[in-house]
Amino acid sequence: MQSNINQLTVSEDQKVIRNIQKKIVILGEGGVGKTTLLHRTVSNIFVDSTKMTIGSDFFMKKIEKTDEKNINHINLLLWDFAGQERFRFILKDYVRGAEGVVLCFDLARLPTLKRLYDWIDILKEGGVWGNKNVKFFLVGTKEDLVSNNSIAISPDEIEQCKNDFNIDYFIKTSALNSNGVEELFNEIGNRMLK
């Protein structure tokens, strides 16, 4: 997917107003909280029980970023993919053209971090893996369920995953109390402008 950037008008202070669309895919095992995270950022609500995503679902998040020259209206097109393995055969086509990849795991369940590696083949088939223009984000979900003493995943294991996926941005989030959610999507918006 080629970035869709439309320059519309010049504002009163001579800044160019740009409308930008970016495709972002959200990946991770079923039950890690991907859909709940998206409901929190898009609608600012906590959905306690979501139905299992079948195939994929779609959300849109609007962010505005202003710099010296531009007012950027960024539409993040957020593709929420089913985490269950039985749906993965259809995902390579949906992943194609992604400009950002958000890899989610449950901070209380180490296997969900380890299973992120299962997505590499889909990312390769979709032409995303190895593309230096694609930004990767690592997100630990359900921070509200763990304390620093009870976290099931060591900082070394998280660091190893970051290195393996060439990720330089990691954040812990909680869709329940909103911790880290807006910071995550603001950072995605910032990096989509680079």
Foldseek 3Di string as FASTA:
>chain_A
DDKDKDFDDADPVRATEIEIEAEEEEAWAPPQCPVQLLCCQQVVDGDPDDDQDAAKDWDWHWDWDDDPHHTYTYIYTYIYGGRDPVNLVPCLCVLARHQEYEYEGEQQDVVRLVCSVVCQVSCVSSVNQPPPRHAYEYEHEDPVVDDPVRGPDDPVSVVVSCVVRVHPHYDYAYSVVGPPSVVVVVVVVVSNVD
